[in-house]
PDB file of N, CA and C in Angstrom:
ATOM      1  N   UNK A   1     126.013 125.883 129.256  1.00  0.00           N
ATOM      2  CA  UNK A   1     125.954 125.000 130.384  1.00  0.00           C
ATOM      3  C   UNK A   1     124.792 125.456 131.266  1.00  0.00           C
ATOM      4  N   UNK A   2     124.046 124.489 131.745  1.00  0.00           N
ATOM      5  CA  UNK A   2     122.898 124.791 132.589  1.00  0.00           C
ATOM      6  C   UNK A   2     122.893 123.826 133.757  1.00  0.00           C
ATOM      7  N   UNK A   3     122.841 124.344 134.971  1.00  0.00           N
ATOM      8  CA  UNK A   3     122.784 123.508 136.157  1.00  0.00           C
ATOM      9  C   UNK A   3     124.160 123.125 136.673  1.00  0.00           C
ATOM     10  N   UNK A   4     124.161 122.452 137.801  1.00  0.00           N
ATOM     11  CA  UNK A   4     125.397 122.006 138.437  1.00  0.00           C
ATOM     12  C   UNK A   4     125.181 120.618 139.025  1.00  0.00           C
ATOM     13  N   UNK A   5     126.244 119.872 139.137  1.00  0.00           N
ATOM     14  CA  UNK A   5     126.188 118.564 139.793  1.00  0.00           C
ATOM     15  C   UNK A   5     127.078 118.597 141.028  1.00  0.00           C
ATOM     16  N   UNK A   6     127.011 117.513 141.815  1.00  0.00           N
ATOM     17  CA  UNK A   6     127.872 117.441 142.988  1.00  0.00           C
ATOM     18  C   UNK A   6     129.315 117.190 142.548  1.00  0.00           C
ATOM     19  N   UNK A   7     130.206 117.086 143.494  1.00  0.00           N
ATOM     20  CA  UNK A   7     131.639 116.980 143.169  1.00  0.00           C
ATOM     21  C   UNK A   7     131.994 115.684 142.444  1.00  0.00           C
ATOM     22  N   UNK A   8     131.156 114.664 142.534  1.00  0.00           N
ATOM     23  CA  UNK A   8     131.399 113.400 141.841  1.00  0.00           C
ATOM     24  C   UNK A   8     130.552 113.250 140.576  1.00  0.00           C
ATOM     25  N   UNK A   9     129.768 114.273 140.260  1.00  0.00           N
ATOM     26  CA  UNK A   9     128.861 114.273 139.103  1.00  0.00           C
ATOM     27  C   UNK A   9     127.862 113.113 139.187  1.00  0.00           C
ATOM     28  N   UNK A  10     127.424 112.823 140.411  1.00  0.00           N
ATOM     29  CA  UNK A  10     126.496 111.723 140.636  1.00  0.00           C
ATOM     30  C   UNK A  10     125.065 112.216 140.820  1.00  0.00           C
ATOM     31  N   UNK A  11     124.890 113.377 141.447  1.00  0.00           N
ATOM     32  CA  UNK A  11     123.564 113.936 141.708  1.00  0.00           C
ATOM     33  C   UNK A  11     123.500 115.367 141.193  1.00  0.00           C
ATOM     34  N   UNK A  12     122.297 115.782 140.861  1.00  0.00           N
ATOM     35  CA  UNK A  12     122.086 117.170 140.454  1.00  0.00           C
ATOM     36  C   UNK A  12     122.081 118.040 141.699  1.00  0.00           C
ATOM     37  N   UNK A  13     122.888 119.095 141.675  1.00  0.00           N
ATOM     38  CA  UNK A  13     122.948 119.995 142.820  1.00  0.00           C
ATOM     39  C   UNK A  13     122.106 121.252 142.603  1.00  0.00           C
ATOM     40  N   UNK A  14     121.947 121.656 141.347  1.00  0.00           N
ATOM     41  CA  UNK A  14     121.214 122.889 141.068  1.00  0.00           C
ATOM     42  C   UNK A  14     120.613 122.811 139.672  1.00  0.00           C
ATOM     43  N   UNK A  15     119.381 123.298 139.518  1.00  0.00           N
ATOM     44  CA  UNK A  15     118.686 123.401 138.230  1.00  0.00           C
ATOM     45  C   UNK A  15     118.481 122.045 137.548  1.00  0.00           C
ATOM     46  N   UNK A  16     117.718 121.187 138.189  1.00  0.00           N
ATOM     47  CA  UNK A  16     117.355 119.903 137.600  1.00  0.00           C
ATOM     48  C   UNK A  16     116.514 120.145 136.350  1.00  0.00           C
ATOM     49  N   UNK A  17     116.839 119.474 135.258  1.00  0.00           N
ATOM     50  CA  UNK A  17     116.132 119.655 133.992  1.00  0.00           C
ATOM     51  C   UNK A  17     115.832 118.293 133.409  1.00  0.00           C
ATOM     52  N   UNK A  18     114.544 118.012 133.196  1.00  0.00           N
ATOM     53  CA  UNK A  18     114.145 116.750 132.595  1.00  0.00           C
ATOM     54  C   UNK A  18     114.302 116.844 131.081  1.00  0.00           C
ATOM     55  N   UNK A  19     114.527 115.733 130.427  1.00  0.00           N
ATOM     56  CA  UNK A  19     114.758 115.728 128.985  1.00  0.00           C
ATOM     57  C   UNK A  19     113.541 116.251 128.229  1.00  0.00           C
ATOM     58  N   UNK A  20     112.320 115.993 128.718  1.00  0.00           N
ATOM     59  CA  UNK A  20     111.143 116.500 128.004  1.00  0.00           C
ATOM     60  C   UNK A  20     111.056 118.017 128.090  1.00  0.00           C
ATOM     61  N   UNK A  21     111.585 118.627 129.161  1.00  0.00           N
ATOM     62  CA  UNK A  21     111.624 120.087 129.244  1.00  0.00           C
ATOM     63  C   UNK A  21     112.667 120.658 128.284  1.00  0.00           C
ATOM     64  N   UNK A  22     113.776 119.965 128.131  1.00  0.00           N
ATOM     65  CA  UNK A  22     114.782 120.390 127.157  1.00  0.00           C
ATOM     66  C   UNK A  22     114.229 120.291 125.747  1.00  0.00           C
ATOM     67  N   UNK A  23     113.535 119.211 125.440  1.00  0.00           N
ATOM     68  CA  UNK A  23     112.937 119.058 124.113  1.00  0.00           C
ATOM     69  C   UNK A  23     111.863 120.114 123.865  1.00  0.00           C
ATOM     70  N   UNK A  24     111.065 120.417 124.865  1.00  0.00           N
ATOM     71  CA  UNK A  24     110.044 121.452 124.717  1.00  0.00           C
ATOM     72  C   UNK A  24     110.688 122.813 124.476  1.00  0.00           C
ATOM     73  N   UNK A  25     111.813 123.070 125.120  1.00  0.00           N
ATOM     74  CA  UNK A  25     112.519 124.331 124.927  1.00  0.00           C
ATOM     75  C   UNK A  25     113.083 124.425 123.520  1.00  0.00           C
ATOM     76  N   UNK A  26     113.670 123.349 123.028  1.00  0.00           N
ATOM     77  CA  UNK A  26     114.218 123.358 121.668  1.00  0.00           C
ATOM     78  C   UNK A  26     113.112 123.454 120.620  1.00  0.00           C
ATOM     79  N   UNK A  27     112.007 122.753 120.825  1.00  0.00           N
ATOM     80  CA  UNK A  27     110.889 122.833 119.888  1.00  0.00           C
ATOM     81  C   UNK A  27     110.184 124.181 119.952  1.00  0.00           C
ATOM     82  N   UNK A  28     110.279 124.860 121.083  1.00  0.00           N
ATOM     83  CA  UNK A  28     109.715 126.201 121.215  1.00  0.00           C
ATOM     84  C   UNK A  28     110.394 127.168 120.240  1.00  0.00           C
ATOM     85  N   UNK A  29     111.671 126.941 119.967  1.00  0.00           N
ATOM     86  CA  UNK A  29     112.394 127.791 119.020  1.00  0.00           C
ATOM     87  C   UNK A  29     111.897 127.591 117.595  1.00  0.00           C
ATOM     88  N   UNK A  30     111.293 126.434 117.320  1.00  0.00           N
ATOM     89  CA  UNK A  30     110.743 126.147 115.985  1.00  0.00           C
ATOM     90  C   UNK A  30     109.273 126.521 115.876  1.00  0.00           C
ATOM     91  N   UNK A  31     108.652 126.829 116.974  1.00  0.00           N
ATOM     92  CA  UNK A  31     107.224 127.133 117.007  1.00  0.00           C
ATOM     93  C   UNK A  31     106.632 126.612 118.297  1.00  0.00           C
ATOM     94  N   UNK A  32     105.357 126.324 118.289  1.00  0.00           N
ATOM     95  CA  UNK A  32     104.665 125.835 119.473  1.00  0.00           C
ATOM     96  C   UNK A  32     104.955 124.354 119.670  1.00  0.00           C
ATOM     97  N   UNK A  33     105.578 123.988 120.790  1.00  0.00           N
ATOM     98  CA  UNK A  33     105.947 122.590 121.021  1.00  0.00           C
ATOM     99  C   UNK A  33     104.733 121.702 121.237  1.00  0.00           C
ATOM    100  N   UNK A  34     103.597 122.255 121.624  1.00  0.00           N
ATOM    101  CA  UNK A  34     102.379 121.470 121.799  1.00  0.00           C
ATOM    102  C   UNK A  34     101.791 121.044 120.455  1.00  0.00           C
ATOM    103  N   UNK A  35     102.123 121.756 119.405  1.00  0.00           N
ATOM    104  CA  UNK A  35     101.532 121.527 118.093  1.00  0.00           C
ATOM    105  C   UNK A  35     102.242 120.407 117.326  1.00  0.00           C
ATOM    106  N   UNK A  36     103.519 120.182 117.588  1.00  0.00           N
ATOM    107  CA  UNK A  36     104.292 119.196 116.837  1.00  0.00           C
ATOM    108  C   UNK A  36     103.919 117.776 117.260  1.00  0.00           C
ATOM    109  N   UNK A  37     103.453 116.987 116.300  1.00  0.00           N
ATOM    110  CA  UNK A  37     103.078 115.605 116.573  1.00  0.00           C
ATOM    111  C   UNK A  37     103.655 114.704 115.485  1.00  0.00           C
ATOM    112  N   UNK A  38     103.706 113.421 115.762  1.00  0.00           N
ATOM    113  CA  UNK A  38     104.059 112.435 114.743  1.00  0.00           C
ATOM    114  C   UNK A  38     103.060 111.281 114.824  1.00  0.00           C
ATOM    115  N   UNK A  39     102.799 110.687 113.697  1.00  0.00           N
ATOM    116  CA  UNK A  39     101.817 109.609 113.620  1.00  0.00           C
ATOM    117  C   UNK A  39     102.543 108.267 113.731  1.00  0.00           C
ATOM    118  N   UNK A  40     102.043 107.421 114.651  1.00  0.00           N
ATOM    119  CA  UNK A  40     102.605 106.090 114.846  1.00  0.00           C
ATOM    120  C   UNK A  40     101.451 105.137 115.103  1.00  0.00           C
ATOM    121  N   UNK A  41     101.330 104.106 114.297  1.00  0.00           N
ATOM    122  CA  UNK A  41     100.273 103.102 114.391  1.00  0.00           C
ATOM    123  C   UNK A  41      98.883 103.748 114.435  1.00  0.00           C
ATOM    124  N   UNK A  42      98.691 104.773 113.624  1.00  0.00           N
ATOM    125  CA  UNK A  42      97.396 105.410 113.496  1.00  0.00           C
ATOM    126  C   UNK A  42      97.066 106.439 114.550  1.00  0.00           C
ATOM    127  N   UNK A  43      97.979 106.705 115.481  1.00  0.00           N
ATOM    128  CA  UNK A  43      97.728 107.679 116.534  1.00  0.00           C
ATOM    129  C   UNK A  43      98.722 108.840 116.417  1.00  0.00           C
ATOM    130  N   UNK A  44      98.300 110.023 116.829  1.00  0.00           N
ATOM    131  CA  UNK A  44      99.183 111.181 116.862  1.00  0.00           C
ATOM    132  C   UNK A  44      99.812 111.301 118.244  1.00  0.00           C
ATOM    133  N   UNK A  45     101.130 111.382 118.288  1.00  0.00           N
ATOM    134  CA  UNK A  45     101.866 111.525 119.538  1.00  0.00           C
ATOM    135  C   UNK A  45     102.581 112.867 119.547  1.00  0.00           C
ATOM    136  N   UNK A  46     102.591 113.524 120.714  1.00  0.00           N
ATOM    137  CA  UNK A  46     103.325 114.773 120.849  1.00  0.00           C
ATOM    138  C   UNK A  46     104.806 114.463 120.994  1.00  0.00           C
ATOM    139  N   UNK A  47     105.632 115.340 120.493  1.00  0.00           N
ATOM    140  CA  UNK A  47     107.084 115.166 120.607  1.00  0.00           C
ATOM    141  C   UNK A  47     107.563 115.279 122.040  1.00  0.00           C
ATOM    142  N   UNK A  48     106.816 115.964 122.879  1.00  0.00           N
ATOM    143  CA  UNK A  48     107.231 116.161 124.261  1.00  0.00           C
ATOM    144  C   UNK A  48     106.547 115.187 125.213  1.00  0.00           C
ATOM    145  N   UNK A  49     106.058 114.062 124.691  1.00  0.00           N
ATOM    146  CA  UNK A  49     105.499 112.985 125.495  1.00  0.00           C
ATOM    147  C   UNK A  49     104.114 113.345 126.019  1.00  0.00           C
ATOM    148  N   UNK A  50     103.525 112.465 126.768  1.00  0.00           N
ATOM    149  CA  UNK A  50     102.172 112.676 127.269  1.00  0.00           C
ATOM    150  C   UNK A  50     102.163 113.461 128.580  1.00  0.00           C
ATOM    151  N   UNK A  51     103.292 113.517 129.275  1.00  0.00           N
ATOM    152  CA  UNK A  51     103.365 114.270 130.521  1.00  0.00           C
ATOM    153  C   UNK A  51     103.613 115.741 130.218  1.00  0.00           C
ATOM    154  N   UNK A  52     103.310 116.573 131.168  1.00  0.00           N
ATOM    155  CA  UNK A  52     103.443 118.016 131.004  1.00  0.00           C
ATOM    156  C   UNK A  52     104.907 118.405 130.808  1.00  0.00           C
ATOM    157  N   UNK A  53     105.193 119.110 129.750  1.00  0.00           N
ATOM    158  CA  UNK A  53     106.538 119.620 129.491  1.00  0.00           C
ATOM    159  C   UNK A  53     106.456 121.136 129.465  1.00  0.00           C
ATOM    160  N   UNK A  54     107.464 121.787 130.016  1.00  0.00           N
ATOM    161  CA  UNK A  54     107.442 123.241 130.056  1.00  0.00           C
ATOM    162  C   UNK A  54     108.710 123.802 129.442  1.00  0.00           C
ATOM    163  N   UNK A  55     108.583 124.967 128.856  1.00  0.00           N
ATOM    164  CA  UNK A  55     109.717 125.652 128.244  1.00  0.00           C
ATOM    165  C   UNK A  55     110.529 126.321 129.350  1.00  0.00           C
ATOM    166  N   UNK A  56     111.838 126.118 129.326  1.00  0.00           N
ATOM    167  CA  UNK A  56     112.732 126.707 130.327  1.00  0.00           C
ATOM    168  C   UNK A  56     113.298 127.996 129.729  1.00  0.00           C
ATOM    169  N   UNK A  57     112.701 129.126 130.129  1.00  0.00           N
ATOM    170  CA  UNK A  57     113.087 130.407 129.541  1.00  0.00           C
ATOM    171  C   UNK A  57     114.468 130.870 129.963  1.00  0.00           C
ATOM    172  N   UNK A  58     114.978 130.390 131.093  1.00  0.00           N
ATOM    173  CA  UNK A  58     116.305 130.828 131.533  1.00  0.00           C
ATOM    174  C   UNK A  58     117.415 130.286 130.639  1.00  0.00           C
ATOM    175  N   UNK A  59     117.146 129.220 129.894  1.00  0.00           N
ATOM    176  CA  UNK A  59     118.127 128.721 128.934  1.00  0.00           C
ATOM    177  C   UNK A  59     118.171 129.636 127.724  1.00  0.00           C
ATOM    178  N   UNK A  60     117.019 130.174 127.346  1.00  0.00           N
ATOM    179  CA  UNK A  60     116.929 131.002 126.158  1.00  0.00           C
ATOM    180  C   UNK A  60     117.449 132.414 126.381  1.00  0.00           C
ATOM    181  N   UNK A  61     117.514 132.849 127.620  1.00  0.00           N
ATOM    182  CA  UNK A  61     117.918 134.228 127.903  1.00  0.00           C
ATOM    183  C   UNK A  61     119.384 134.459 127.669  1.00  0.00           C
TER     184      UNK A  61
END
């Protein structure tokens, strides 16, 4: 479990984590998350999207 929500589970109260950061963390366990791409309509796309994704080391600890 990572983070906390309010008493109604409506808002994040602590440790907000975006899905692209979670994906970058999981792909980090397989290697470099920046390196993994997939080809779609002739273009290479990163698995962690075009926006900056960062590995959350506190999940791995």
